[in-house]
Amino acid sequence: MNSSAILYFEMECSIIIGLLFFKSPSINKA
């Protein structure tokens, strides 16, 4: 696995986590 592939994977994971946090107000209020 290249470092670029790992960076791309980390970026996608952070985007997915950000969307999950953005779509669930219960987590934001906690």
Protein backbone atom coordinates (compact mmCIF):
# COMPACT_ATOMS: atom_id res chain seq x y z
CA MET A 1 0.00 0.00 0.00
CA ASN A 2 1.40 3.38 -0.96
CA SER A 3 1.44 6.32 1.41
CA SER A 4 -0.83 8.18 -1.05
CA ALA A 5 -3.42 5.39 -0.82
CA ILE A 6 -3.27 5.55 2.98
CA LEU A 7 -3.69 9.33 2.88
CA TYR A 8 -6.69 8.97 0.56
CA PHE A 9 -8.20 6.33 2.85
CA GLU A 10 -7.74 8.55 5.91
CA MET A 11 -9.34 11.50 4.11
CA GLU A 12 -12.37 9.40 3.15
CA CYS A 13 -12.70 8.08 6.72
CA SER A 14 -12.57 11.60 8.16
CA ILE A 15 -15.21 12.76 5.65
CA ILE A 16 -17.51 9.86 6.54
CA ILE A 17 -17.07 10.50 10.28
CA GLY A 18 -17.75 14.19 9.72
CA LEU A 19 -20.96 13.39 7.83
CA LEU A 20 -22.07 11.03 10.60
CA PHE A 21 -21.48 13.70 13.24
CA PHE A 22 -23.19 16.32 11.06
CA LYS A 23 -26.29 14.17 10.46
CA SER A 24 -26.83 13.17 14.10
CA PRO A 25 -27.80 16.18 16.30
CA SER A 26 -27.94 13.97 19.40
CA ILE A 27 -24.14 13.58 19.29
CA ASN A 28 -23.68 17.31 18.75
CA LYS A 29 -25.85 18.16 21.78
CA ALA A 30 -24.08 15.67 24.06
